[in-house]
Amino acid sequence: VAYYQHRLFGPVVAVAVILAIINTVTNVSALARATIMPLQEGWLTVGAVFAATFGYYVWIMVISLAKDIALTLARRHGRVNVGSLDAGLTLVQYGLIGAGLFGVFRLLQFNTATIAAITGGLSIGVGFALQDVLKNFLGGIIVLFEGTVRPGDWIEVSGTEGEIASLSIRSTVVRTFDNIEYIVPNQDWLNSTVKTFTRGSRRGRARIPIGVSYDADPHRVQQLLIETAQAHPDVLAEPPPVAPLVDFGASSVDFLLLVWVEDAKTRGRVAGELRLRIWDALAAAGVEIPYPQQDVHIRSGASPQVFAAGAGPSQTEEQRP
């Protein structure tokens, strides 16, 4: 609301005040009829330029406001896929903006056929100069139509994991857990591999490796891990938690606890909470969590010699057979 108060209602009020002030000095109607240049079908007037410019600005703001209202209602409704709706509304938004631009040309009495011909002639040169811009534009159109990624999806691209905050024709904003926003050109979605965690379902799986002592009963440890996971309120009952024994390590017997959560974004938090609960459960059961240790063995029959730090054997000792 504050955004549109500043960008829509504020300018409308400001223009109304300015016109009222100008009207006290001169006749606004006469000023609006003042001509600027001749056209094929008449004259270009000050009023037409002002109406086209300001009207087009208001048109864009009203379209954006309608889109945001629709998305807000969709989020409150809960049953609508907001990401798909956002992508569809974005296409409609840009289509209406383009239609409004042609309306501006008609209001200014420009020949739209001539403009189309000029645009076609310039398209080749502009295409070479703005290749990346056009690639991003076309990439945005393809992404919006295909629904490859949608706002709200949790993804990983180029090693960066985050949520798609917004999707436009030119670029996509990916917001991480640290509230850092990455602006990704849309052509990257077409040329690189993207890992998505929530495209088919928002559910995600957390992986928690645990190592225990070789003195522990592996069957009992496995049972403790599963029971601890089942007791967590955010762990789903279906699919159930599992804790397979995955390796016999150098200093520990290694398990991997696998649990499912309703929202993939909560995997890190749930995994951290489970680690604390597992620590308490294993400590209560007397199960040791080992850490790597090294044993130094001195061979029998050799008498060790101790030297001061940084010192070595004397020259005589080094030459002793």
Protein backbone atom coordinates (compact mmCIF):
# COMPACT_ATOMS: atom_id res chain seq x y z
CA VAL A 1 0.00 0.00 0.00
CA ALA A 2 2.78 2.43 0.93
CA TYR A 3 4.52 1.70 -2.37
CA TYR A 4 1.47 2.65 -4.44
CA GLN A 5 0.73 5.66 -2.26
CA HIS A 6 4.16 6.92 -3.23
CA ARG A 7 4.22 5.80 -6.87
CA LEU A 8 0.56 6.20 -7.93
CA PHE A 9 -1.62 8.31 -5.65
CA GLY A 10 1.18 10.77 -4.83
CA PRO A 11 1.88 11.72 -8.47
CA VAL A 12 -1.85 12.02 -9.25
CA VAL A 13 -2.35 14.47 -6.38
CA ALA A 14 0.84 16.35 -7.30
CA VAL A 15 -0.26 16.76 -10.94
CA ALA A 16 -3.70 17.97 -9.85
CA VAL A 17 -2.12 20.59 -7.57
CA ILE A 18 0.32 21.73 -10.28
CA LEU A 19 -2.49 22.10 -12.82
CA ALA A 20 -4.53 24.11 -10.32
CA ILE A 21 -1.57 26.43 -9.73
CA ILE A 22 -0.96 26.85 -13.48
CA ASN A 23 -4.65 27.60 -13.99
CA THR A 24 -4.36 30.59 -11.67
CA VAL A 25 -1.67 32.04 -13.94
CA THR A 26 -2.96 31.07 -17.38
CA ASN A 27 -5.77 29.13 -18.97
CA VAL A 28 -4.89 25.43 -18.78
CA SER A 29 -7.25 24.57 -21.64
CA ALA A 30 -5.56 27.07 -23.92
CA LEU A 31 -2.14 25.76 -22.91
CA ALA A 32 -3.23 22.21 -23.66
CA ARG A 33 -4.31 23.24 -27.17
CA ALA A 34 -0.92 24.77 -27.92
CA THR A 35 0.66 23.01 -30.90
CA ILE A 36 4.14 21.49 -30.97
CA MET A 37 4.56 20.05 -34.45
CA PRO A 38 2.41 19.13 -37.46
CA LEU A 39 1.35 15.54 -38.07
CA GLN A 40 -0.19 13.76 -41.04
CA GLU A 41 -3.68 14.03 -39.58
CA GLY A 42 -3.40 17.22 -37.54
CA TRP A 43 -1.16 18.79 -34.93
CA LEU A 44 0.69 17.41 -31.94
CA THR A 45 -0.47 19.43 -28.93
CA VAL A 46 0.89 19.97 -25.44
CA GLY A 47 -2.25 18.44 -23.96
CA ALA A 48 -1.90 15.28 -26.04
CA VAL A 49 1.73 14.79 -25.00
CA PHE A 50 0.89 15.34 -21.34
CA ALA A 51 -2.16 13.06 -21.44
CA ALA A 52 -0.24 10.30 -23.24
CA THR A 53 2.78 10.46 -20.93
CA PHE A 54 0.95 10.73 -17.63
CA GLY A 55 -1.83 8.40 -18.73
CA TYR A 56 0.65 5.71 -19.72
CA TYR A 57 2.40 6.02 -16.34
CA VAL A 58 -0.91 5.65 -14.49
CA TRP A 59 -1.81 2.71 -16.76
CA ILE A 60 1.39 0.87 -15.79
CA MET A 61 0.88 1.55 -12.07
CA VAL A 62 -2.78 0.40 -12.18
CA ILE A 63 -1.76 -2.84 -13.91
CA SER A 64 0.91 -3.49 -11.26
CA LEU A 65 -1.57 -2.72 -8.48
CA ALA A 66 -4.14 -5.12 -9.93
CA LYS A 67 -1.50 -7.84 -10.19
CA ASP A 68 -0.40 -7.38 -6.56
CA ILE A 69 -4.01 -7.42 -5.35
CA ALA A 70 -4.65 -10.67 -7.23
CA LEU A 71 -1.52 -12.29 -5.75
CA THR A 72 -2.45 -11.15 -2.23
CA LEU A 73 -5.93 -12.64 -2.55
CA ALA A 74 -4.43 -15.86 -3.93
CA ARG A 75 -2.06 -16.20 -0.96
CA ARG A 76 -4.95 -15.72 1.46
CA HIS A 77 -7.07 -18.25 -0.41
CA GLY A 78 -4.36 -20.89 -0.01
CA ARG A 79 -5.57 -23.31 -2.70
CA VAL A 80 -4.07 -21.47 -5.66
CA ASN A 81 -0.53 -22.09 -6.87
CA VAL A 82 0.84 -18.58 -6.35
CA GLY A 83 3.94 -19.24 -8.45
CA SER A 84 1.98 -20.26 -11.54
CA LEU A 85 -0.47 -17.40 -11.03
CA ASP A 86 2.39 -14.91 -10.72
CA ALA A 87 3.97 -16.16 -13.95
CA GLY A 88 0.67 -15.93 -15.82
CA LEU A 89 -0.12 -12.47 -14.46
CA THR A 90 3.36 -11.29 -15.45
CA LEU A 91 2.67 -12.28 -19.05
CA VAL A 92 -0.68 -10.48 -18.96
CA GLN A 93 0.99 -7.46 -17.36
CA TYR A 94 3.56 -7.07 -20.13
CA GLY A 95 0.92 -7.68 -22.78
CA LEU A 96 -1.24 -4.87 -21.39
CA ILE A 97 1.78 -2.57 -21.13
CA GLY A 98 2.52 -3.20 -24.81
CA ALA A 99 -1.11 -2.56 -25.74
CA GLY A 100 -1.01 0.67 -23.75
CA LEU A 101 2.05 1.79 -25.71
CA PHE A 102 0.16 1.42 -28.99
CA GLY A 103 -2.69 3.35 -27.39
CA VAL A 104 -0.24 6.17 -26.67
CA PHE A 105 0.82 6.24 -30.33
CA ARG A 106 -2.80 6.46 -31.44
CA LEU A 107 -3.50 9.23 -28.93
CA LEU A 108 -0.56 11.19 -30.30
CA GLN A 109 -1.88 10.52 -33.84
CA PHE A 110 1.26 8.66 -34.87
CA ASN A 111 0.92 6.27 -37.79
CA THR A 112 1.33 2.85 -36.19
CA ALA A 113 2.07 1.22 -39.56
CA THR A 114 4.98 3.62 -40.09
CA ILE A 115 6.26 2.95 -36.59
CA ALA A 116 6.08 -0.80 -37.21
CA ALA A 117 8.04 -0.41 -40.46
CA ILE A 118 10.71 1.72 -38.79
CA THR A 119 10.93 -0.74 -35.91
CA GLY A 120 11.38 -3.63 -38.34
CA GLY A 121 14.16 -1.80 -40.15
CA LEU A 122 16.00 -1.04 -36.95
CA SER A 123 15.49 -4.50 -35.47
CA ILE A 124 18.51 -6.00 -37.25
CA GLY A 125 20.97 -3.40 -35.98
CA VAL A 126 19.39 -3.30 -32.54
CA GLY A 127 19.45 -7.10 -32.44
CA PHE A 128 23.23 -7.20 -32.85
CA ALA A 129 23.76 -4.42 -30.33
CA LEU A 130 21.43 -5.86 -27.70
CA GLN A 131 21.97 -9.59 -28.09
CA ASP A 132 22.20 -10.29 -24.35
CA VAL A 133 19.15 -8.16 -23.60
CA LEU A 134 17.13 -10.00 -26.24
CA LYS A 135 18.37 -13.37 -24.98
CA ASN A 136 17.25 -12.49 -21.46
CA PHE A 137 13.92 -11.23 -22.78
CA LEU A 138 13.26 -14.37 -24.80
CA GLY A 139 14.51 -16.50 -21.91
CA GLY A 140 12.04 -14.78 -19.62
CA ILE A 141 9.18 -15.43 -22.04
CA ILE A 142 10.12 -19.12 -22.31
CA VAL A 143 10.48 -19.52 -18.55
CA LEU A 144 7.11 -17.86 -17.92
CA PHE A 145 5.34 -19.97 -20.55
CA GLU A 146 6.97 -23.28 -19.59
CA GLY A 147 6.80 -22.69 -15.85
CA THR A 148 10.32 -24.13 -15.50
CA VAL A 149 10.79 -22.12 -12.32
CA ARG A 150 8.19 -20.09 -10.47
CA PRO A 151 8.18 -17.49 -7.70
CA GLY A 152 8.29 -19.29 -4.37
CA ASP A 153 10.30 -22.26 -5.68
CA TRP A 154 13.36 -23.29 -3.64
CA ILE A 155 16.25 -23.85 -6.04
CA GLU A 156 20.00 -24.14 -6.38
CA VAL A 157 21.74 -22.55 -9.36
CA SER A 158 25.51 -22.09 -9.82
CA GLY A 159 26.08 -23.28 -6.25
CA THR A 160 23.65 -20.73 -4.77
CA GLU A 161 20.62 -22.05 -2.89
CA GLY A 162 17.61 -19.84 -2.27
CA GLU A 163 13.99 -18.97 -3.00
CA ILE A 164 12.80 -17.29 -6.18
CA ALA A 165 11.56 -13.95 -4.88
CA SER A 166 10.43 -12.49 -8.20
CA LEU A 167 10.45 -13.39 -11.87
CA SER A 168 10.42 -10.74 -14.59
CA ILE A 169 11.02 -10.64 -18.31
CA ARG A 170 14.71 -9.74 -17.99
CA SER A 171 15.93 -11.39 -14.80
CA THR A 172 15.03 -13.44 -11.74
CA VAL A 173 15.72 -12.53 -8.12
CA VAL A 174 16.86 -15.41 -5.88
CA ARG A 175 16.83 -14.69 -2.12
CA THR A 176 19.00 -16.82 0.20
CA PHE A 177 18.57 -17.66 3.89
CA ASP A 178 20.92 -14.75 4.67
CA ASN A 179 18.50 -12.37 2.89
CA ILE A 180 21.04 -11.87 0.11
CA GLU A 181 19.41 -11.36 -3.27
CA TYR A 182 21.05 -12.68 -6.43
CA ILE A 183 19.87 -11.26 -9.76
CA VAL A 184 20.06 -14.11 -12.28
CA PRO A 185 19.74 -13.31 -16.03
CA ASN A 186 16.92 -15.33 -17.53
CA GLN A 187 19.14 -16.82 -20.23
CA ASP A 188 20.96 -18.74 -17.47
CA TRP A 189 17.82 -20.85 -16.93
CA LEU A 190 18.14 -22.06 -20.51
CA ASN A 191 21.90 -22.67 -20.54
CA SER A 192 22.63 -24.16 -17.11
CA THR A 193 21.44 -26.99 -14.89
CA VAL A 194 19.11 -25.88 -12.10
CA LYS A 195 18.38 -27.98 -9.02
CA THR A 196 14.85 -27.39 -7.74
CA PHE A 197 13.62 -28.70 -4.40
CA THR A 198 9.96 -27.69 -4.63
CA ARG A 199 8.83 -27.98 -8.26
CA GLY A 200 6.79 -31.18 -7.87
CA SER A 201 6.32 -30.92 -4.11
CA ARG A 202 7.48 -28.58 -1.36
CA ARG A 203 8.56 -31.54 0.77
CA GLY A 204 12.26 -31.98 1.39
CA ARG A 205 14.56 -34.56 2.98
CA ALA A 206 17.16 -33.75 5.62
CA ARG A 207 20.32 -35.88 5.87
CA ILE A 208 22.07 -36.18 9.24
CA PRO A 209 25.25 -38.32 9.46
CA ILE A 210 26.09 -39.74 12.91
CA GLY A 211 29.08 -41.78 14.01
CA VAL A 212 29.05 -43.94 17.18
CA SER A 213 31.60 -46.07 18.99
CA TYR A 214 32.31 -49.65 17.92
CA ASP A 215 31.37 -50.67 21.47
CA ALA A 216 27.74 -49.60 20.90
CA ASP A 217 24.98 -51.97 19.81
CA PRO A 218 24.17 -50.84 16.23
CA HIS A 219 20.61 -52.15 16.43
CA ARG A 220 19.94 -50.11 19.56
CA VAL A 221 21.55 -47.01 18.02
CA GLN A 222 19.42 -47.32 14.91
CA GLN A 223 16.29 -47.60 17.03
CA LEU A 224 17.27 -44.54 19.09
CA LEU A 225 17.84 -42.45 15.97
CA ILE A 226 14.47 -43.35 14.46
CA GLU A 227 12.60 -42.78 17.74
CA THR A 228 14.28 -39.40 18.19
CA ALA A 229 13.29 -38.36 14.68
CA GLN A 230 9.71 -39.54 15.12
CA ALA A 231 9.38 -37.42 18.27
CA HIS A 232 10.17 -34.20 16.39
CA PRO A 233 6.95 -32.32 15.49
CA ASP A 234 8.19 -31.21 12.04
CA VAL A 235 9.29 -34.66 10.86
CA LEU A 236 6.71 -36.34 8.63
CA ALA A 237 5.38 -39.77 9.50
CA GLU A 238 5.16 -40.63 5.79
CA PRO A 239 7.66 -41.30 4.38
CA PRO A 240 8.96 -42.58 7.73
CA PRO A 241 12.42 -41.72 9.08
CA VAL A 242 15.15 -44.25 8.33
CA ALA A 243 18.67 -44.61 9.72
CA PRO A 244 20.73 -47.08 7.66
CA LEU A 245 24.23 -48.09 8.71
CA VAL A 246 26.27 -46.69 5.85
CA ASP A 247 29.92 -47.34 6.70
CA PHE A 248 32.47 -48.83 9.09
CA GLY A 249 34.76 -45.85 9.54
CA ALA A 250 38.28 -45.64 10.90
CA SER A 251 37.07 -44.62 14.36
CA SER A 252 33.27 -44.95 14.26
CA VAL A 253 30.30 -46.89 12.98
CA ASP A 254 28.54 -44.43 10.65
CA PHE A 255 24.76 -44.03 10.35
CA LEU A 256 22.79 -41.67 8.12
CA LEU A 257 19.47 -40.42 9.50
CA LEU A 258 17.04 -39.48 6.71
CA VAL A 259 13.87 -37.56 7.55
CA TRP A 260 11.23 -35.77 5.49
CA VAL A 261 9.81 -32.33 6.27
CA GLU A 262 6.80 -30.53 4.84
CA ASP A 263 8.78 -27.54 3.51
CA ALA A 264 12.23 -28.00 2.02
CA LYS A 265 13.28 -24.60 3.37
CA THR A 266 13.09 -25.94 6.95
CA ARG A 267 15.57 -28.77 6.37
CA GLY A 268 18.49 -26.92 7.97
CA ARG A 269 16.56 -25.91 11.07
CA VAL A 270 15.08 -29.37 11.62
CA ALA A 271 18.47 -31.03 11.11
CA GLY A 272 20.06 -28.76 13.71
CA GLU A 273 17.33 -29.47 16.26
CA LEU A 274 17.60 -33.21 15.62
CA ARG A 275 21.36 -33.17 16.21
CA LEU A 276 20.81 -31.75 19.70
CA ARG A 277 18.11 -34.32 20.44
CA ILE A 278 20.32 -37.14 19.16
CA TRP A 279 23.17 -35.95 21.36
CA ASP A 280 20.92 -36.09 24.43
CA ALA A 281 19.42 -39.47 23.47
CA LEU A 282 22.80 -41.11 22.88
CA ALA A 283 24.25 -39.63 26.07
CA ALA A 284 21.28 -40.92 28.09
CA ALA A 285 21.77 -44.39 26.57
CA GLY A 286 25.50 -44.36 27.32
CA VAL A 287 26.47 -44.42 23.65
CA GLU A 288 29.75 -42.68 22.90
CA ILE A 289 30.22 -40.39 19.90
CA PRO A 290 33.90 -40.96 19.07
CA TYR A 291 36.38 -38.66 17.44
CA PRO A 292 39.53 -39.55 15.49
CA GLN A 293 42.50 -40.53 17.69
CA GLN A 294 46.07 -41.49 16.88
CA ASP A 295 48.15 -43.97 18.88
CA VAL A 296 51.95 -43.76 18.87
CA HIS A 297 53.67 -47.15 19.24
CA ILE A 298 57.37 -47.36 20.25
CA ARG A 299 59.10 -50.46 18.92
CA SER A 300 60.71 -52.64 21.58
CA GLY A 301 64.50 -52.96 21.64
CA ALA A 302 65.15 -49.34 20.73
CA SER A 303 65.94 -46.81 23.43
CA PRO A 304 64.38 -43.46 22.56
CA GLN A 305 66.49 -40.34 22.88
CA VAL A 306 64.91 -37.08 23.96
CA PHE A 307 66.28 -33.79 22.66
CA ALA A 308 65.44 -30.23 23.49
CA ALA A 309 63.07 -28.47 21.13
CA GLY A 310 64.86 -27.51 17.95
CA ALA A 311 67.96 -29.52 18.86
CA GLY A 312 69.21 -32.74 17.30
CA PRO A 313 71.84 -35.34 18.13
CA SER A 314 75.45 -34.19 18.45
CA GLN A 315 77.93 -34.68 15.63
CA THR A 316 79.60 -37.46 17.60
CA GLU A 317 76.30 -39.27 18.07
CA GLU A 318 75.44 -38.97 14.41
CA GLN A 319 78.72 -40.64 13.44
CA ARG A 320 78.34 -43.43 16.00
CA PRO A 321 77.93 -46.81 14.23
